[in-house]
C-alpha cells in the first residue's frame, strides 16, 4: 500500500477502482496462493483445477467479491484440506452475513466452505470400503416404496412429467460394501424437518437449507447411513465440519490448528515458514470473535497461518476495505483489522506514522493491542532503516 493510499485512508477518502480492476486484483490474490494450496491438496487434485473452480464460483456469485477476503481464503484452505473442489458439486463457497463486534449494528459478508453431496459420496468411495453409492431426494409425484425386514428393498421411480414434481417427501441412500453387504437408509419428511429445525441458520436467506434443500436432505441421509458403515476418518471430519456449520459454528471453527493438522493423502508435510509478526490471521483467530459460536480459544493459530503466500494474500485482500468517515464528526472510522493490516504492511516509518495517527479512533479496549503491534513494527522498520 502506497503512502498516498495510506494518507487517503487517514482522511476518510476511498480511492476509486473499476469493477474490472477489482476482479483483476482478486484473481491475482487467488493465483498467488496456488503453491500453498497444492501442498495441501497433494497429488490427487491439481491446484490449477481447484483454483479454476474457485474462480468460476466467484464469477458466478458476485457476493463472493464483496465478502471478507480473509474468510474467503480460509474457506479455500479448508476445502483444499478436505480434498474437495468448490465446483458446486463437491463443495460450495457460501456467503453469509455476520455482525461485527464492538460496532453499532454493523454487518459484513463472510464466506464459509460447505461440503455437498458429491463431496460426501467422493469420501465414501475414497474410504476403500464402498463399491456403490446411490442417494436421492424423493418428491411428492414420485413413486416410492421402502421395505424393511428379511428382504429389504427400495424402489424409486422419479416423476419426469412437465409439471412440478412437488415438495420433497423423503430422502434415501443405498451403499454397497466390498464385503458384499448392502446398506439402506431412508429419511421421511418428518425426519428431514427435524434435521432442518435443528439448524440455527434455517431462517436466514443465506442458509444452505434455503439455497439447496434437496442437497441438504440427501446429505442428511448420507450422514445417517454412515453410522452403519466402516469408519472413514476423512468422511468423519467432513461430517463434523458440516454439523458444526449446522449448529451455528463459524467457518473458522472447523479449521484445524497447525499443531493438529492432518494433511491430505500424499500431501507434503514439511514445515512452512511464516512471518511471526501480527497478521490478519492473528486478528481473525484471536481478536475478532463473531456473534456465532467462538471458533477456538485465544492464542490458537488457524491452519492458514502456516502459509506465507496465503498470509500475504490475506493481508493484501483488505486493500479495498477502506474506512468511512463518521457522519457526526468527520473523523475517519477505521476498524481493528484495517489498522493492524496497515501497521503490518507499512514499508517506511512515514507509512507507519499514518497508521499511528489513526489509533486514537479505535474503541479504547482495542487501542492497547494495536499500540503494541505499532511498537513491534516500529522496531522492525528502525532496524531496517
Protein backbone atom coordinates (compact mmCIF):
# COMPACT_ATOMS: atom_id res chain seq x y z
CA UNK A 1 0.00 0.00 0.00
CA UNK A 2 1.48 3.34 -1.06
CA UNK A 3 1.93 6.30 1.25
CA UNK A 4 -0.61 8.21 -0.82
CA UNK A 5 -3.16 5.46 -0.28
CA UNK A 6 -2.48 5.39 3.45
CA UNK A 7 -2.93 9.14 3.69
CA UNK A 8 -6.17 8.99 1.73
CA UNK A 9 -7.43 6.42 4.22
CA UNK A 10 -6.45 8.67 7.09
CA UNK A 11 -8.57 11.41 5.52
CA UNK A 12 -11.53 9.10 5.10
CA UNK A 13 -11.20 9.02 1.33
CA UNK A 14 -11.82 5.95 -0.80
CA UNK A 15 -9.57 5.51 -3.85
CA UNK A 16 -11.63 4.72 -6.90
CA UNK A 17 -11.28 1.43 -8.73
CA UNK A 18 -13.35 -0.03 -11.53
CA UNK A 19 -15.14 -3.39 -11.19
CA UNK A 20 -12.70 -4.80 -13.75
CA UNK A 21 -9.73 -3.66 -11.65
CA UNK A 22 -11.26 -5.18 -8.53
CA UNK A 23 -11.80 -8.51 -10.27
CA UNK A 24 -8.27 -8.49 -11.69
CA UNK A 25 -6.82 -7.81 -8.23
CA UNK A 26 -8.96 -10.59 -6.76
CA UNK A 27 -7.79 -13.06 -9.42
CA UNK A 28 -4.17 -12.14 -8.68
CA UNK A 29 -4.71 -12.82 -4.98
CA UNK A 30 -6.22 -16.24 -5.72
CA UNK A 31 -3.40 -17.19 -8.12
CA UNK A 32 -0.83 -16.17 -5.52
CA UNK A 33 -1.87 -18.95 -3.15
CA UNK A 34 -1.57 -21.72 -5.75
CA UNK A 35 1.73 -23.22 -4.44
CA UNK A 36 0.46 -23.41 -0.87
CA UNK A 37 -2.86 -24.93 -1.94
CA UNK A 38 -1.04 -27.58 -3.96
CA UNK A 39 0.84 -28.66 -0.84
CA UNK A 40 -2.45 -29.08 0.99
CA UNK A 41 -4.22 -30.77 -1.92
CA UNK A 42 -1.49 -33.33 -2.53
CA UNK A 43 -1.15 -35.17 -5.88
CA UNK A 44 -4.80 -36.15 -6.29
CA UNK A 45 -6.05 -32.69 -7.23
CA UNK A 46 -4.19 -30.14 -9.34
CA UNK A 47 -4.13 -26.64 -7.86
CA UNK A 48 -4.90 -25.23 -11.32
CA UNK A 49 -8.18 -27.15 -11.43
CA UNK A 50 -9.01 -26.22 -7.85
CA UNK A 51 -8.34 -22.52 -8.40
CA UNK A 52 -10.22 -22.65 -11.70
CA UNK A 53 -13.28 -23.93 -9.87
CA UNK A 54 -12.88 -21.27 -7.18
CA UNK A 55 -12.65 -18.53 -9.81
CA UNK A 56 -15.70 -19.91 -11.62
CA UNK A 57 -17.55 -19.70 -8.29
CA UNK A 58 -16.50 -16.04 -7.95
CA UNK A 59 -17.68 -15.23 -11.47
CA UNK A 60 -20.98 -16.98 -10.81
CA UNK A 61 -21.61 -15.33 -7.46
CA UNK A 62 -20.82 -11.60 -7.22
CA UNK A 63 -21.40 -11.74 -3.45
CA UNK A 64 -18.04 -13.52 -3.12
CA UNK A 65 -16.30 -10.43 -4.48
CA UNK A 66 -17.91 -8.24 -1.85
CA UNK A 67 -17.29 -10.65 1.04
CA UNK A 68 -14.45 -10.57 3.56
CA UNK A 69 -11.33 -11.84 1.79
CA UNK A 70 -9.79 -13.41 4.89
CA UNK A 71 -12.77 -15.72 5.28
CA UNK A 72 -12.70 -16.45 1.53
CA UNK A 73 -9.11 -17.71 1.65
CA UNK A 74 -9.82 -19.61 4.86
CA UNK A 75 -12.73 -21.34 3.10
CA UNK A 76 -10.45 -22.24 0.17
CA UNK A 77 -7.84 -23.65 2.52
CA UNK A 78 -10.41 -25.73 4.38
CA UNK A 79 -11.87 -27.13 1.15
CA UNK A 80 -8.37 -28.00 -0.06
CA UNK A 81 -7.54 -29.63 3.27
CA UNK A 82 -10.60 -31.85 2.91
CA UNK A 83 -9.73 -32.64 -0.70
CA UNK A 84 -12.91 -31.16 -2.17
CA UNK A 85 -13.16 -28.83 -5.16
CA UNK A 86 -15.53 -25.84 -4.73
CA UNK A 87 -17.30 -26.59 -8.02
CA UNK A 88 -20.86 -26.68 -6.71
CA UNK A 89 -20.94 -30.47 -6.81
CA UNK A 90 -18.32 -31.46 -4.25
CA UNK A 91 -18.44 -28.21 -2.28
CA UNK A 92 -19.67 -24.62 -2.45
CA UNK A 93 -18.43 -21.30 -1.13
CA UNK A 94 -21.43 -19.90 0.73
CA UNK A 95 -21.75 -16.22 1.66
CA UNK A 96 -23.42 -15.28 4.93
CA UNK A 97 -23.79 -12.10 6.97
CA UNK A 98 -22.39 -11.71 10.46
CA UNK A 99 -22.37 -8.85 12.93
CA UNK A 100 -19.08 -7.09 13.61
CA UNK A 101 -18.36 -6.87 17.35
CA UNK A 102 -17.94 -3.51 19.06
CA UNK A 103 -19.90 -1.70 16.35
CA UNK A 104 -23.32 -0.13 16.13
CA UNK A 105 -25.10 -2.99 14.42
CA UNK A 106 -22.61 -3.24 11.53
CA UNK A 107 -22.77 -6.41 9.47
CA UNK A 108 -20.29 -7.82 6.97
CA UNK A 109 -20.40 -10.67 4.47
CA UNK A 110 -18.17 -13.66 5.09
CA UNK A 111 -17.51 -16.92 3.27
CA UNK A 112 -17.77 -20.50 4.51
CA UNK A 113 -16.93 -23.78 2.81
CA UNK A 114 -19.95 -26.12 2.67
CA UNK A 115 -19.48 -29.76 1.59
CA UNK A 116 -22.13 -31.00 -0.82
CA UNK A 117 -23.49 -34.43 -1.74
CA UNK A 118 -20.76 -35.03 -4.31
CA UNK A 119 -18.12 -34.39 -1.67
CA UNK A 120 -19.60 -36.86 0.82
CA UNK A 121 -20.01 -39.51 -1.87
CA UNK A 122 -16.42 -38.92 -3.00
CA UNK A 123 -15.15 -39.59 0.52
CA UNK A 124 -17.24 -42.75 0.75
CA UNK A 125 -15.54 -44.15 -2.34
CA UNK A 126 -12.12 -42.99 -1.17
CA UNK A 127 -12.54 -45.00 2.03
CA UNK A 128 -11.86 -48.15 0.00
CA UNK A 129 -14.76 -49.99 1.67
CA UNK A 130 -17.53 -48.81 -0.67
CA UNK A 131 -18.18 -50.04 -4.21
CA UNK A 132 -21.52 -48.33 -4.96
CA UNK A 133 -23.47 -45.33 -3.68
CA UNK A 134 -26.93 -44.12 -4.71
CA UNK A 135 -28.57 -41.25 -2.86
CA UNK A 136 -31.54 -39.14 -3.91
CA UNK A 137 -34.42 -36.97 -2.76
CA UNK A 138 -37.97 -38.20 -3.25
CA UNK A 139 -40.64 -35.77 -4.42
CA UNK A 140 -44.41 -35.85 -3.95
CA UNK A 141 -45.19 -37.01 -7.51
CA UNK A 142 -42.54 -39.75 -7.48
CA UNK A 143 -43.41 -43.42 -6.99
CA UNK A 144 -41.51 -44.66 -3.95
CA UNK A 145 -41.60 -47.79 -1.82
CA UNK A 146 -39.34 -48.92 1.01
CA UNK A 147 -39.47 -52.32 2.67
CA UNK A 148 -37.53 -53.49 5.69
CA UNK A 149 -37.38 -57.00 7.19
CA UNK A 150 -35.63 -60.10 5.89
CA UNK A 151 -35.84 -58.91 2.27
CA UNK A 152 -35.29 -55.15 2.43
CA UNK A 153 -35.70 -53.15 -0.78
CA UNK A 154 -36.05 -49.61 -2.09
CA UNK A 155 -37.98 -48.80 -5.28
CA UNK A 156 -37.98 -45.28 -6.68
CA UNK A 157 -39.49 -44.04 -9.94
CA UNK A 158 -38.85 -40.28 -10.26
CA UNK A 159 -41.62 -38.20 -11.81
CA UNK A 160 -40.48 -36.97 -15.23
CA UNK A 161 -43.60 -35.14 -16.38
CA UNK A 162 -43.81 -31.49 -17.38
CA UNK A 163 -45.36 -30.33 -14.11
CA UNK A 164 -43.54 -29.56 -10.89
CA UNK A 165 -42.75 -32.81 -9.02
CA UNK A 166 -43.95 -31.22 -5.78
CA UNK A 167 -42.16 -30.83 -2.45
CA UNK A 168 -39.57 -33.23 -1.05
CA UNK A 169 -41.20 -36.02 0.97
CA UNK A 170 -38.20 -38.26 1.71
CA UNK A 171 -34.54 -38.98 1.01
CA UNK A 172 -32.69 -42.27 0.79
CA UNK A 173 -29.22 -43.75 0.37
CA UNK A 174 -28.04 -47.18 -0.76
CA UNK A 175 -24.44 -48.23 -0.17
CA UNK A 176 -22.79 -51.47 -1.30
CA UNK A 177 -19.65 -52.55 0.54
CA UNK A 178 -16.73 -54.51 -0.85
CA UNK A 179 -17.60 -57.40 1.50
CA UNK A 180 -20.89 -57.84 -0.38
CA UNK A 181 -23.21 -56.21 2.14
CA UNK A 182 -25.79 -53.64 1.10
CA UNK A 183 -26.84 -50.90 3.49
CA UNK A 184 -30.03 -48.87 3.08
CA UNK A 185 -31.30 -45.80 4.86
CA UNK A 186 -34.46 -43.76 4.35
CA UNK A 187 -35.40 -40.48 5.98
CA UNK A 188 -39.05 -39.45 5.98
CA UNK A 189 -40.16 -35.85 5.62
CA UNK A 190 -40.67 -35.83 9.38
CA UNK A 191 -37.02 -36.77 9.93
CA UNK A 192 -35.77 -34.22 7.38
CA UNK A 193 -37.79 -31.46 9.05
CA UNK A 194 -36.28 -32.37 12.42
CA UNK A 195 -32.77 -32.02 11.00
CA UNK A 196 -33.66 -28.72 9.37
CA UNK A 197 -35.23 -27.36 12.55
CA UNK A 198 -32.01 -28.14 14.43
CA UNK A 199 -30.08 -25.86 12.07
CA UNK A 200 -29.51 -22.44 13.61
CA UNK A 201 -29.32 -20.84 10.17
CA UNK A 202 -32.57 -22.29 8.81
CA UNK A 203 -34.46 -18.98 8.88
CA UNK A 204 -31.72 -16.98 7.17
CA UNK A 205 -31.68 -16.29 3.45
CA UNK A 206 -28.07 -17.47 3.28
CA UNK A 207 -28.88 -20.83 4.91
CA UNK A 208 -27.91 -23.87 2.81
CA UNK A 209 -31.37 -25.22 3.64
CA UNK A 210 -32.92 -22.32 1.75
CA UNK A 211 -30.47 -22.47 -1.15
CA UNK A 212 -30.06 -26.22 -1.67
CA UNK A 213 -32.91 -28.01 0.09
CA UNK A 214 -32.58 -31.22 -1.92
CA UNK A 215 -28.81 -31.37 -1.35
CA UNK A 216 -29.26 -30.84 2.38
CA UNK A 217 -31.87 -33.60 2.60
CA UNK A 218 -29.61 -36.03 0.73
CA UNK A 219 -26.61 -35.04 2.86
CA UNK A 220 -28.67 -35.76 5.96
CA UNK A 221 -29.45 -39.32 4.91
CA UNK A 222 -25.81 -39.96 3.87
CA UNK A 223 -24.65 -38.81 7.29
CA UNK A 224 -27.19 -41.14 8.88
CA UNK A 225 -26.20 -44.20 6.83
CA UNK A 226 -22.54 -43.58 7.65
CA UNK A 227 -23.31 -44.87 11.15
CA UNK A 228 -23.79 -48.33 9.57
CA UNK A 229 -20.54 -48.25 7.58
CA UNK A 230 -16.87 -48.97 8.32
CA UNK A 231 -15.13 -45.96 9.79
CA UNK A 232 -13.76 -43.45 7.27
CA UNK A 233 -11.75 -40.71 9.05
CA UNK A 234 -11.79 -38.31 6.08
CA UNK A 235 -15.56 -38.53 5.77
CA UNK A 236 -15.96 -38.26 9.52
CA UNK A 237 -14.01 -34.98 9.57
CA UNK A 238 -16.16 -33.68 6.74
CA UNK A 239 -19.36 -34.62 8.58
CA UNK A 240 -18.07 -32.96 11.76
CA UNK A 241 -17.41 -29.78 9.79
CA UNK A 242 -20.86 -29.86 8.22
CA UNK A 243 -22.51 -30.48 11.59
CA UNK A 244 -20.58 -27.56 13.03
CA UNK A 245 -21.97 -25.25 10.35
CA UNK A 246 -25.47 -26.56 11.00
CA UNK A 247 -25.13 -25.92 14.72
CA UNK A 248 -24.24 -22.30 14.07
CA UNK A 249 -20.46 -22.58 14.42
CA UNK A 250 -18.39 -20.21 12.30
CA UNK A 251 -16.41 -21.46 9.32
CA UNK A 252 -13.10 -20.93 11.06
CA UNK A 253 -14.12 -23.23 13.88
CA UNK A 254 -13.63 -26.15 11.54
CA UNK A 255 -10.08 -25.18 10.65
CA UNK A 256 -7.60 -27.42 12.40
CA UNK A 257 -4.88 -25.63 14.39
CA UNK A 258 -1.45 -26.03 12.84
CA UNK A 259 -0.29 -28.31 15.65
CA UNK A 260 -3.10 -30.79 14.87
CA UNK A 261 -3.19 -30.53 11.08
CA UNK A 262 -3.74 -33.72 9.11
CA UNK A 263 -2.53 -33.33 5.55
CA UNK A 264 -4.38 -34.76 2.57
CA UNK A 265 -3.17 -38.18 1.38
CA UNK A 266 0.13 -37.75 -0.40
CA UNK A 267 0.47 -34.10 0.56
CA UNK A 268 3.77 -32.65 1.67
CA UNK A 269 4.13 -32.42 5.44
CA UNK A 270 7.18 -30.18 5.51
CA UNK A 271 7.01 -27.14 7.74
CA UNK A 272 6.10 -23.86 6.09
CA UNK A 273 7.78 -20.78 7.47
CA UNK A 274 5.78 -17.65 8.04
CA UNK A 275 6.35 -14.14 9.30
CA UNK A 276 5.85 -14.13 13.11
CA UNK A 277 4.68 -10.51 13.09
CA UNK A 278 0.95 -9.92 13.69
CA UNK A 279 -1.09 -10.83 10.62
CA UNK A 280 -4.69 -10.74 9.52
CA UNK A 281 -4.84 -14.39 10.51
CA UNK A 282 -3.85 -13.45 14.06
CA UNK A 283 -6.59 -10.86 14.15
CA UNK A 284 -9.30 -13.19 12.89
CA UNK A 285 -8.10 -16.05 15.05
CA UNK A 286 -7.94 -14.42 18.44
CA UNK A 287 -9.14 -10.84 18.32
CA UNK A 288 -12.35 -10.71 16.35
CA UNK A 289 -14.87 -13.28 17.62
CA UNK A 290 -18.24 -13.09 15.92
CA UNK A 291 -21.78 -13.44 17.13
CA UNK A 292 -21.68 -17.12 16.15
CA UNK A 293 -20.08 -19.66 18.44
CA UNK A 294 -16.38 -18.97 19.22
CA UNK A 295 -14.08 -20.53 16.68
CA UNK A 296 -11.33 -21.50 19.10
CA UNK A 297 -9.56 -20.30 22.20
CA UNK A 298 -7.39 -17.17 22.15
CA UNK A 299 -3.87 -17.93 21.06
CA UNK A 300 -4.71 -20.79 18.68
CA UNK A 301 -3.23 -20.19 15.23
CA UNK A 302 -5.54 -21.08 12.39
CA UNK A 303 -4.33 -23.52 9.81
CA UNK A 304 -3.93 -20.91 7.12
CA UNK A 305 -1.35 -19.04 9.20
CA UNK A 306 1.21 -21.66 8.18
CA UNK A 307 1.50 -20.28 4.70
CA UNK A 308 3.43 -17.15 3.86
CA UNK A 309 1.71 -16.91 0.50
CA UNK A 310 -1.77 -17.20 1.99
CA UNK A 311 -0.82 -14.73 4.68
CA UNK A 312 0.35 -12.25 2.07
CA UNK A 313 -2.81 -12.71 0.05
CA UNK A 314 -4.97 -12.11 3.10
CA UNK A 315 -3.03 -9.02 4.10
CA UNK A 316 -3.41 -7.69 0.58
CA UNK A 317 -7.08 -8.61 0.38
CA UNK A 318 -8.39 -5.78 2.50
CA UNK A 319 -6.93 -3.15 0.20
CA UNK A 320 -10.43 -2.26 -0.94
CA UNK A 321 -11.96 -2.17 2.54
CA UNK A 322 -11.39 1.48 3.27
CA UNK A 323 -12.55 3.33 6.39
CA UNK A 324 -15.59 5.51 6.08
CA UNK A 325 -15.86 8.99 7.54
CA UNK A 326 -18.05 9.40 10.62
CA UNK A 327 -21.10 11.40 9.66
CA UNK A 328 -21.30 13.11 13.00
CA UNK A 329 -17.69 14.28 13.43
CA UNK A 330 -15.90 13.96 10.09
CA UNK A 331 -13.26 11.76 11.77
CA UNK A 332 -12.26 8.56 9.95
CA UNK A 333 -13.81 5.28 11.03
CA UNK A 334 -11.11 2.64 10.95
CA UNK A 335 -11.54 -0.96 12.07
CA UNK A 336 -9.17 -3.00 14.20
CA UNK A 337 -8.45 -5.29 11.23
CA UNK A 338 -7.76 -2.45 8.80
CA UNK A 339 -5.40 -0.68 11.16
CA UNK A 340 -3.47 -3.84 12.03
CA UNK A 341 -3.19 -4.54 8.30
CA UNK A 342 -1.79 -1.04 7.70
CA UNK A 343 0.76 -1.48 10.50
CA UNK A 344 1.89 -4.92 9.30
CA UNK A 345 2.40 -3.76 5.73
CA UNK A 346 3.93 -0.33 6.38
CA UNK A 347 7.22 -0.15 4.47
CA UNK A 348 8.55 3.12 5.90
CA UNK A 349 8.38 4.99 9.19
CA UNK A 350 6.29 7.62 7.45
CA UNK A 351 3.74 4.98 6.41
CA UNK A 352 3.72 3.68 9.95
CA UNK A 353 3.18 7.17 11.33
CA UNK A 354 -0.03 7.47 9.32
CA UNK A 355 -1.30 4.29 10.93
CA UNK A 356 -0.22 5.55 14.35
CA UNK A 357 -2.32 8.68 13.92
CA UNK A 358 -5.41 6.51 13.43
CA UNK A 359 -5.08 4.50 16.66
CA UNK A 360 -6.97 7.16 18.59
CA UNK A 361 -10.11 6.49 16.54
CA UNK A 362 -10.38 2.86 17.71
CA UNK A 363 -12.53 1.86 20.70
CA UNK A 364 -10.48 2.20 23.92
CA UNK A 365 -10.44 -1.57 24.54
CA UNK A 366 -8.68 -2.15 21.18
CA UNK A 367 -6.11 0.61 21.29
CA UNK A 368 -3.59 -1.18 23.51
CA UNK A 369 -3.26 -4.22 21.22
CA UNK A 370 -2.80 -2.02 18.17
CA UNK A 371 -0.29 0.19 20.00
CA UNK A 372 1.73 -2.92 20.89
CA UNK A 373 1.71 -4.01 17.24
CA UNK A 374 2.73 -0.48 16.24
CA UNK A 375 5.70 -0.67 18.63
CA UNK A 376 6.87 -4.01 17.26
CA UNK A 377 6.63 -2.83 13.67
CA UNK A 378 8.41 0.42 14.56
CA UNK A 379 11.38 -1.55 15.94
CA UNK A 380 11.49 -3.72 12.80
CA UNK A 381 11.49 -0.73 10.46
CA UNK A 382 14.03 1.09 12.65
CA UNK A 383 16.42 -1.84 12.37
CA UNK A 384 15.98 -1.90 8.60
CA UNK A 385 16.45 1.88 8.29
